[in-house]
Amino acid sequence: MTKLRVILRCLVTFTIGLLMAVLAIRFGEALWRAMTSYGR
């Protein structure tokens, strides 16, 4: 039971980290596009 709990916790943490990374990349891309278009 404890092993399953640990695996579940690791999966949840990994999923949250992945989502945060994807959001950060998309936000960075949007910011970069806004800055480049503003520069022109």
PDB file of N, CA and C in Angstrom:
ATOM      1  N   MET A   1       0.849  -1.203   0.000  1.00  0.00           N
ATOM      2  CA  MET A   1       0.000   0.000   0.000  1.00  0.00           C
ATOM      3  C   MET A   1       0.884   1.253   0.000  1.00  0.00           C
ATOM      4  N   THR A   2       1.934   1.237   0.820  1.00  0.00           N
ATOM      5  CA  THR A   2       2.791   2.423   0.884  1.00  0.00           C
ATOM      6  C   THR A   2       3.537   2.614  -0.437  1.00  0.00           C
ATOM      7  N   LYS A   3       3.942   1.490  -1.070  1.00  0.00           N
ATOM      8  CA  LYS A   3       4.654   1.589  -2.356  1.00  0.00           C
ATOM      9  C   LYS A   3       3.759   2.269  -3.386  1.00  0.00           C
ATOM     10  N   LEU A   4       2.495   1.829  -3.436  1.00  0.00           N
ATOM     11  CA  LEU A   4       1.550   2.408  -4.386  1.00  0.00           C
ATOM     12  C   LEU A   4       1.395   3.907  -4.126  1.00  0.00           C
ATOM     13  N   ARG A   5       1.343   4.265  -2.846  1.00  0.00           N
ATOM     14  CA  ARG A   5       1.180   5.671  -2.489  1.00  0.00           C
ATOM     15  C   ARG A   5       2.390   6.479  -2.962  1.00  0.00           C
ATOM     16  N   VAL A   6       3.578   5.930  -2.765  1.00  0.00           N
ATOM     17  CA  VAL A   6       4.804   6.628  -3.179  1.00  0.00           C
ATOM     18  C   VAL A   6       4.826   6.799  -4.695  1.00  0.00           C
ATOM     19  N   ILE A   7       4.454   5.732  -5.413  1.00  0.00           N
ATOM     20  CA  ILE A   7       4.430   5.806  -6.882  1.00  0.00           C
ATOM     21  C   ILE A   7       3.414   6.855  -7.333  1.00  0.00           C
ATOM     22  N   LEU A   8       2.250   6.853  -6.693  1.00  0.00           N
ATOM     23  CA  LEU A   8       1.212   7.830  -7.049  1.00  0.00           C
ATOM     24  C   LEU A   8       1.712   9.246  -6.808  1.00  0.00           C
ATOM     25  N   ARG A   9       2.374   9.448  -5.661  1.00  0.00           N
ATOM     26  CA  ARG A   9       2.882  10.781  -5.332  1.00  0.00           C
ATOM     27  C   ARG A   9       3.914  11.214  -6.366  1.00  0.00           C
ATOM     28  N   CYS A  10       4.797  10.295  -6.755  1.00  0.00           N
ATOM     29  CA  CYS A  10       5.823  10.621  -7.754  1.00  0.00           C
ATOM     30  C   CYS A  10       5.170  10.981  -9.078  1.00  0.00           C
ATOM     31  N   LEU A  11       4.150  10.218  -9.464  1.00  0.00           N
ATOM     32  CA  LEU A  11       3.452  10.485 -10.727  1.00  0.00           C
ATOM     33  C   LEU A  11       2.796  11.855 -10.697  1.00  0.00           C
ATOM     34  N   VAL A  12       2.131  12.173  -9.581  1.00  0.00           N
ATOM     35  CA  VAL A  12       1.457  13.470  -9.465  1.00  0.00           C
ATOM     36  C   VAL A  12       2.472  14.604  -9.536  1.00  0.00           C
ATOM     37  N   THR A  13       3.581  14.460  -8.804  1.00  0.00           N
ATOM     38  CA  THR A  13       4.606  15.507  -8.817  1.00  0.00           C
ATOM     39  C   THR A  13       5.182  15.673 -10.214  1.00  0.00           C
ATOM     40  N   PHE A  14       5.433  14.548 -10.897  1.00  0.00           N
ATOM     41  CA  PHE A  14       5.996  14.596 -12.246  1.00  0.00           C
ATOM     42  C   PHE A  14       5.028  15.277 -13.206  1.00  0.00           C
ATOM     43  N   THR A  15       3.725  14.934 -13.092  1.00  0.00           N
ATOM     44  CA  THR A  15       2.720  15.528 -13.978  1.00  0.00           C
ATOM     45  C   THR A  15       2.625  17.029 -13.750  1.00  0.00           C
ATOM     46  N   ILE A  16       2.618  17.442 -12.475  1.00  0.00           N
ATOM     47  CA  ILE A  16       2.530  18.874 -12.170  1.00  0.00           C
ATOM     48  C   ILE A  16       3.753  19.601 -12.715  1.00  0.00           C
ATOM     49  N   GLY A  17       4.923  19.013 -12.531  1.00  0.00           N
ATOM     50  CA  GLY A  17       6.146  19.634 -13.036  1.00  0.00           C
ATOM     51  C   GLY A  17       6.117  19.759 -14.547  1.00  0.00           C
ATOM     52  N   LEU A  18       5.637  18.720 -15.221  1.00  0.00           N
ATOM     53  CA  LEU A  18       5.561  18.737 -16.683  1.00  0.00           C
ATOM     54  C   LEU A  18       4.601  19.832 -17.146  1.00  0.00           C
ATOM     55  N   LEU A  19       3.441  19.921 -16.480  1.00  0.00           N
ATOM     56  CA  LEU A  19       2.460  20.948 -16.850  1.00  0.00           C
ATOM     57  C   LEU A  19       3.049  22.340 -16.656  1.00  0.00           C
ATOM     58  N   MET A  20       3.751  22.540 -15.537  1.00  0.00           N
ATOM     59  CA  MET A  20       4.360  23.846 -15.273  1.00  0.00           C
ATOM     60  C   MET A  20       5.390  24.173 -16.343  1.00  0.00           C
ATOM     61  N   ALA A  21       6.187  23.175 -16.749  1.00  0.00           N
ATOM     62  CA  ALA A  21       7.211  23.397 -17.771  1.00  0.00           C
ATOM     63  C   ALA A  21       6.562  23.781 -19.096  1.00  0.00           C
ATOM     64  N   VAL A  22       5.510  23.064 -19.482  1.00  0.00           N
ATOM     65  CA  VAL A  22       4.823  23.363 -20.750  1.00  0.00           C
ATOM     66  C   VAL A  22       4.236  24.770 -20.703  1.00  0.00           C
ATOM     67  N   LEU A  23       3.613  25.116 -19.575  1.00  0.00           N
ATOM     68  CA  LEU A  23       3.030  26.454 -19.441  1.00  0.00           C
ATOM     69  C   LEU A  23       4.115  27.515 -19.530  1.00  0.00           C
ATOM     70  N   ALA A  24       5.247  27.277 -18.876  1.00  0.00           N
ATOM     71  CA  ALA A  24       6.345  28.245 -18.895  1.00  0.00           C
ATOM     72  C   ALA A  24       6.872  28.416 -20.317  1.00  0.00           C
ATOM     73  N   ILE A  25       7.014  27.307 -21.056  1.00  0.00           N
ATOM     74  CA  ILE A  25       7.523  27.386 -22.434  1.00  0.00           C
ATOM     75  C   ILE A  25       6.544  28.169 -23.300  1.00  0.00           C
ATOM     76  N   ARG A  26       5.254  27.880 -23.177  1.00  0.00           N
ATOM     77  CA  ARG A  26       4.254  28.584 -23.994  1.00  0.00           C
ATOM     78  C   ARG A  26       4.232  30.060 -23.639  1.00  0.00           C
ATOM     79  N   PHE A  27       4.307  30.369 -22.338  1.00  0.00           N
ATOM     80  CA  PHE A  27       4.317  31.765 -21.903  1.00  0.00           C
ATOM     81  C   PHE A  27       5.546  32.477 -22.445  1.00  0.00           C
ATOM     82  N   GLY A  28       6.692  31.802 -22.403  1.00  0.00           N
ATOM     83  CA  GLY A  28       7.929  32.389 -22.917  1.00  0.00           C
ATOM     84  C   GLY A  28       7.833  32.642 -24.415  1.00  0.00           C
ATOM     85  N   GLU A  29       7.248  31.694 -25.147  1.00  0.00           N
ATOM     86  CA  GLU A  29       7.100  31.870 -26.594  1.00  0.00           C
ATOM     87  C   GLU A  29       6.190  33.054 -26.889  1.00  0.00           C
ATOM     88  N   ALA A  30       5.078  33.152 -26.168  1.00  0.00           N
ATOM     89  CA  ALA A  30       4.144  34.261 -26.377  1.00  0.00           C
ATOM     90  C   ALA A  30       4.828  35.586 -26.055  1.00  0.00           C
ATOM     91  N   LEU A  31       5.585  35.605 -24.959  1.00  0.00           N
ATOM     92  CA  LEU A  31       6.291  36.828 -24.567  1.00  0.00           C
ATOM     93  C   LEU A  31       7.320  37.198 -25.626  1.00  0.00           C
ATOM     94  N   TRP A  32       8.052  36.205 -26.129  1.00  0.00           N
ATOM     95  CA  TRP A  32       9.075  36.449 -27.155  1.00  0.00           C
ATOM     96  C   TRP A  32       8.426  37.007 -28.422  1.00  0.00           C
ATOM     97  N   ARG A  33       7.292  36.422 -28.832  1.00  0.00           N
ATOM     98  CA  ARG A  33       6.597  36.908 -30.033  1.00  0.00           C
ATOM     99  C   ARG A  33       6.132  38.339 -29.828  1.00  0.00           C
ATOM    100  N   ALA A  34       5.590  38.619 -28.643  1.00  0.00           N
ATOM    101  CA  ALA A  34       5.106  39.976 -28.361  1.00  0.00           C
ATOM    102  C   ALA A  34       6.269  40.965 -28.405  1.00  0.00           C
ATOM    103  N   MET A  35       7.405  40.577 -27.832  1.00  0.00           N
ATOM    104  CA  MET A  35       8.566  41.478 -27.806  1.00  0.00           C
ATOM    105  C   MET A  35       9.108  41.700 -29.214  1.00  0.00           C
ATOM    106  N   THR A  36       9.209  40.635 -30.021  1.00  0.00           N
ATOM    107  CA  THR A  36       9.752  40.775 -31.373  1.00  0.00           C
ATOM    108  C   THR A  36       8.809  41.600 -32.243  1.00  0.00           C
ATOM    109  N   SER A  37       7.507  41.362 -32.123  1.00  0.00           N
ATOM    110  CA  SER A  37       6.554  42.125 -32.935  1.00  0.00           C
ATOM    111  C   SER A  37       6.531  43.581 -32.469  1.00  0.00           C
ATOM    112  N   TYR A  38       6.724  43.804 -31.164  1.00  0.00           N
ATOM    113  CA  TYR A  38       6.746  45.171 -30.639  1.00  0.00           C
ATOM    114  C   TYR A  38       8.011  45.896 -31.091  1.00  0.00           C
ATOM    115  N   GLY A  39       9.102  45.143 -31.193  1.00  0.00           N
ATOM    116  CA  GLY A  39      10.373  45.738 -31.624  1.00  0.00           C
ATOM    117  C   GLY A  39      10.261  46.290 -33.037  1.00  0.00           C
ATOM    118  N   ARG A  40       9.521  45.598 -33.894  1.00  0.00           N
ATOM    119  CA  ARG A  40       9.334  46.070 -35.261  1.00  0.00           C
ATOM    120  C   ARG A  40       8.347  47.215 -35.254  1.00  0.00           C
TER     121      ARG A  40
END
